[in-house]
């Protein structure tokens, strides 16, 4: 009976540790996934802004050359 109780306590403790570790890993995965996604989004926005600025500069140079 004591062995059964001991094995129950050990298995319950291992279950709690596993659940905690799995939830921690899942939370870290989602955190890094969303961080990476938003980082790429902002990098994409910055690249688009730079391209727009370059296009505007080229158009201004073309207008100056034509006039």
N, C-alpha and C. Protein backbone atom coordinates (compact mmCIF):
# COMPACT_ATOMS: atom_id res chain seq x y z
N UNK A 1 0.82 -1.20 0.00
CA UNK A 1 0.00 0.00 0.00
C UNK A 1 0.86 1.26 0.00
N UNK A 2 1.92 1.20 0.80
CA UNK A 2 2.84 2.34 0.86
C UNK A 2 3.55 2.56 -0.47
N UNK A 3 3.90 1.46 -1.12
CA UNK A 3 4.53 1.56 -2.43
C UNK A 3 3.58 2.17 -3.46
N UNK A 4 2.33 1.80 -3.40
CA UNK A 4 1.33 2.35 -4.30
C UNK A 4 1.16 3.86 -4.07
N UNK A 5 1.12 4.26 -2.82
CA UNK A 5 1.00 5.68 -2.48
C UNK A 5 2.23 6.45 -2.94
N UNK A 6 3.40 5.86 -2.73
CA UNK A 6 4.65 6.51 -3.15
C UNK A 6 4.70 6.67 -4.67
N UNK A 7 4.31 5.63 -5.40
CA UNK A 7 4.33 5.71 -6.86
C UNK A 7 3.30 6.75 -7.34
N UNK A 8 2.15 6.84 -6.67
CA UNK A 8 1.15 7.85 -7.02
C UNK A 8 1.70 9.26 -6.83
N UNK A 9 2.38 9.49 -5.70
CA UNK A 9 2.94 10.81 -5.42
C UNK A 9 4.02 11.15 -6.44
N UNK A 10 4.87 10.19 -6.78
CA UNK A 10 5.95 10.43 -7.75
C UNK A 10 5.37 10.72 -9.13
N UNK A 11 4.39 9.94 -9.55
CA UNK A 11 3.79 10.15 -10.88
C UNK A 11 3.05 11.49 -10.94
N UNK A 12 2.40 11.86 -9.85
CA UNK A 12 1.71 13.15 -9.82
C UNK A 12 2.71 14.30 -9.91
N UNK A 13 3.84 14.18 -9.21
CA UNK A 13 4.88 15.22 -9.27
C UNK A 13 5.47 15.30 -10.68
N UNK A 14 5.74 14.15 -11.29
CA UNK A 14 6.29 14.14 -12.66
C UNK A 14 5.29 14.74 -13.64
N UNK A 15 4.00 14.48 -13.45
CA UNK A 15 2.98 15.03 -14.32
C UNK A 15 2.96 16.55 -14.23
N UNK A 16 3.04 17.08 -12.99
CA UNK A 16 3.05 18.53 -12.82
C UNK A 16 4.28 19.15 -13.46
N UNK A 17 5.43 18.51 -13.32
CA UNK A 17 6.66 19.03 -13.93
C UNK A 17 6.53 19.03 -15.45
N UNK A 18 6.02 17.93 -16.01
CA UNK A 18 5.87 17.85 -17.47
C UNK A 18 4.90 18.90 -17.99
N UNK A 19 3.77 19.07 -17.31
CA UNK A 19 2.79 20.06 -17.74
C UNK A 19 3.40 21.46 -17.68
N UNK A 20 4.15 21.74 -16.61
CA UNK A 20 4.78 23.05 -16.47
C UNK A 20 5.80 23.27 -17.59
N UNK A 21 6.63 22.28 -17.86
CA UNK A 21 7.66 22.43 -18.89
C UNK A 21 7.03 22.57 -20.27
N UNK A 22 6.00 21.78 -20.55
CA UNK A 22 5.35 21.86 -21.87
C UNK A 22 4.70 23.23 -22.04
N UNK A 23 4.00 23.71 -21.00
CA UNK A 23 3.35 25.02 -21.14
C UNK A 23 4.39 26.13 -21.28
N UNK A 24 5.52 26.00 -20.58
CA UNK A 24 6.58 27.00 -20.71
C UNK A 24 7.15 27.00 -22.12
N UNK A 25 7.38 25.81 -22.68
CA UNK A 25 7.90 25.73 -24.04
C UNK A 25 6.91 26.30 -25.06
N UNK A 26 5.64 26.02 -24.87
CA UNK A 26 4.61 26.54 -25.78
C UNK A 26 4.55 28.06 -25.69
N UNK A 27 4.59 28.59 -24.46
CA UNK A 27 4.56 30.04 -24.29
C UNK A 27 5.78 30.70 -24.93
N UNK A 28 6.95 30.11 -24.75
CA UNK A 28 8.16 30.66 -25.36
C UNK A 28 8.07 30.60 -26.88
N UNK A 29 7.54 29.50 -27.41
CA UNK A 29 7.40 29.36 -28.85
C UNK A 29 6.52 30.47 -29.40
N UNK A 30 5.35 30.67 -28.78
CA UNK A 30 4.45 31.71 -29.27
C UNK A 30 5.06 33.10 -29.13
N UNK A 31 5.76 33.33 -28.02
CA UNK A 31 6.40 34.64 -27.83
C UNK A 31 7.41 34.91 -28.93
N UNK A 32 8.31 33.96 -29.19
CA UNK A 32 9.33 34.17 -30.22
C UNK A 32 8.72 34.20 -31.62
N UNK A 33 7.68 33.40 -31.85
CA UNK A 33 7.02 33.41 -33.15
C UNK A 33 6.43 34.79 -33.44
N UNK A 34 5.67 35.33 -32.48
CA UNK A 34 5.06 36.63 -32.70
C UNK A 34 6.10 37.74 -32.73
N UNK A 35 7.13 37.64 -31.91
CA UNK A 35 8.21 38.63 -31.95
C UNK A 35 8.86 38.64 -33.32
N UNK A 36 9.18 37.44 -33.84
CA UNK A 36 9.80 37.34 -35.16
C UNK A 36 8.87 37.86 -36.25
N UNK A 37 7.57 37.53 -36.14
CA UNK A 37 6.60 37.99 -37.13
C UNK A 37 6.52 39.53 -37.15
N UNK A 38 6.41 40.15 -35.98
CA UNK A 38 6.33 41.61 -35.93
C UNK A 38 7.65 42.26 -36.34
N UNK A 39 8.78 41.62 -36.02
CA UNK A 39 10.07 42.13 -36.47
C UNK A 39 10.14 42.14 -37.99
N UNK A 40 9.73 41.03 -38.62
CA UNK A 40 9.73 40.97 -40.08
C UNK A 40 8.76 41.98 -40.68
N UNK A 41 7.62 42.16 -40.03
CA UNK A 41 6.63 43.12 -40.51
C UNK A 41 7.21 44.53 -40.51
N UNK A 42 7.88 44.93 -39.41
CA UNK A 42 8.46 46.27 -39.34
C UNK A 42 9.63 46.43 -40.30
N UNK A 43 10.41 45.39 -40.50
CA UNK A 43 11.49 45.45 -41.48
C UNK A 43 10.90 45.62 -42.88
N UNK A 44 9.83 44.91 -43.17
CA UNK A 44 9.16 45.03 -44.47
C UNK A 44 8.64 46.46 -44.67
N UNK A 45 8.04 47.04 -43.66
CA UNK A 45 7.52 48.42 -43.74
C UNK A 45 8.68 49.40 -43.98
N UNK A 46 9.78 49.22 -43.28
CA UNK A 46 10.95 50.10 -43.45
C UNK A 46 11.50 49.98 -44.87
N UNK A 47 11.58 48.77 -45.39
CA UNK A 47 12.07 48.57 -46.76
C UNK A 47 11.14 49.25 -47.76
N UNK A 48 9.84 49.13 -47.57
CA UNK A 48 8.89 49.79 -48.48
C UNK A 48 9.04 51.31 -48.42
N UNK A 49 9.22 51.84 -47.22
CA UNK A 49 9.41 53.30 -47.08
C UNK A 49 10.69 53.74 -47.79
N UNK A 50 11.75 52.98 -47.66
CA UNK A 50 13.02 53.31 -48.34
C UNK A 50 12.83 53.26 -49.86
N UNK A 51 12.13 52.26 -50.36
CA UNK A 51 11.89 52.15 -51.80
C UNK A 51 11.06 53.34 -52.29
N UNK A 52 10.05 53.73 -51.55
CA UNK A 52 9.23 54.89 -51.93
C UNK A 52 10.08 56.16 -51.96
N UNK A 53 10.94 56.34 -50.97
CA UNK A 53 11.82 57.53 -50.94
C UNK A 53 12.76 57.53 -52.15
N UNK A 54 13.31 56.37 -52.49
CA UNK A 54 14.21 56.27 -53.65
C UNK A 54 13.45 56.60 -54.94
N UNK A 55 12.23 56.11 -55.07
CA UNK A 55 11.42 56.40 -56.26
C UNK A 55 11.12 57.89 -56.35
N UNK A 56 10.79 58.51 -55.24
CA UNK A 56 10.52 59.95 -55.23
C UNK A 56 11.77 60.73 -55.63
N UNK A 57 12.92 60.34 -55.12
CA UNK A 57 14.18 61.02 -55.48
C UNK A 57 14.46 60.85 -56.98
N UNK A 58 14.24 59.68 -57.51
CA UNK A 58 14.46 59.44 -58.95
C UNK A 58 13.51 60.29 -59.77
N UNK A 59 12.26 60.38 -59.37
CA UNK A 59 11.29 61.21 -60.10
C UNK A 59 11.69 62.69 -60.05
N UNK A 60 12.15 63.15 -58.91
CA UNK A 60 12.60 64.54 -58.78
C UNK A 60 13.81 64.78 -59.68
N UNK A 61 14.74 63.87 -59.73
CA UNK A 61 15.93 64.01 -60.58
C UNK A 61 15.50 64.03 -62.06
N UNK A 62 14.59 63.18 -62.44
CA UNK A 62 14.11 63.14 -63.83
C UNK A 62 13.42 64.46 -64.18
N UNK A 63 12.62 64.98 -63.29
CA UNK A 63 11.92 66.26 -63.52
C UNK A 63 12.96 67.39 -63.66
N UNK A 64 13.97 67.40 -62.83
CA UNK A 64 15.01 68.44 -62.91
C UNK A 64 15.77 68.33 -64.23
N UNK A 65 16.06 67.12 -64.67
CA UNK A 65 16.79 66.93 -65.93
C UNK A 65 15.92 67.37 -67.11
N UNK A 66 14.65 67.07 -67.09
CA UNK A 66 13.77 67.44 -68.20
C UNK A 66 13.60 68.95 -68.27
N UNK A 67 13.50 69.61 -67.17
CA UNK A 67 13.31 71.06 -67.15
C UNK A 67 14.66 71.69 -67.36
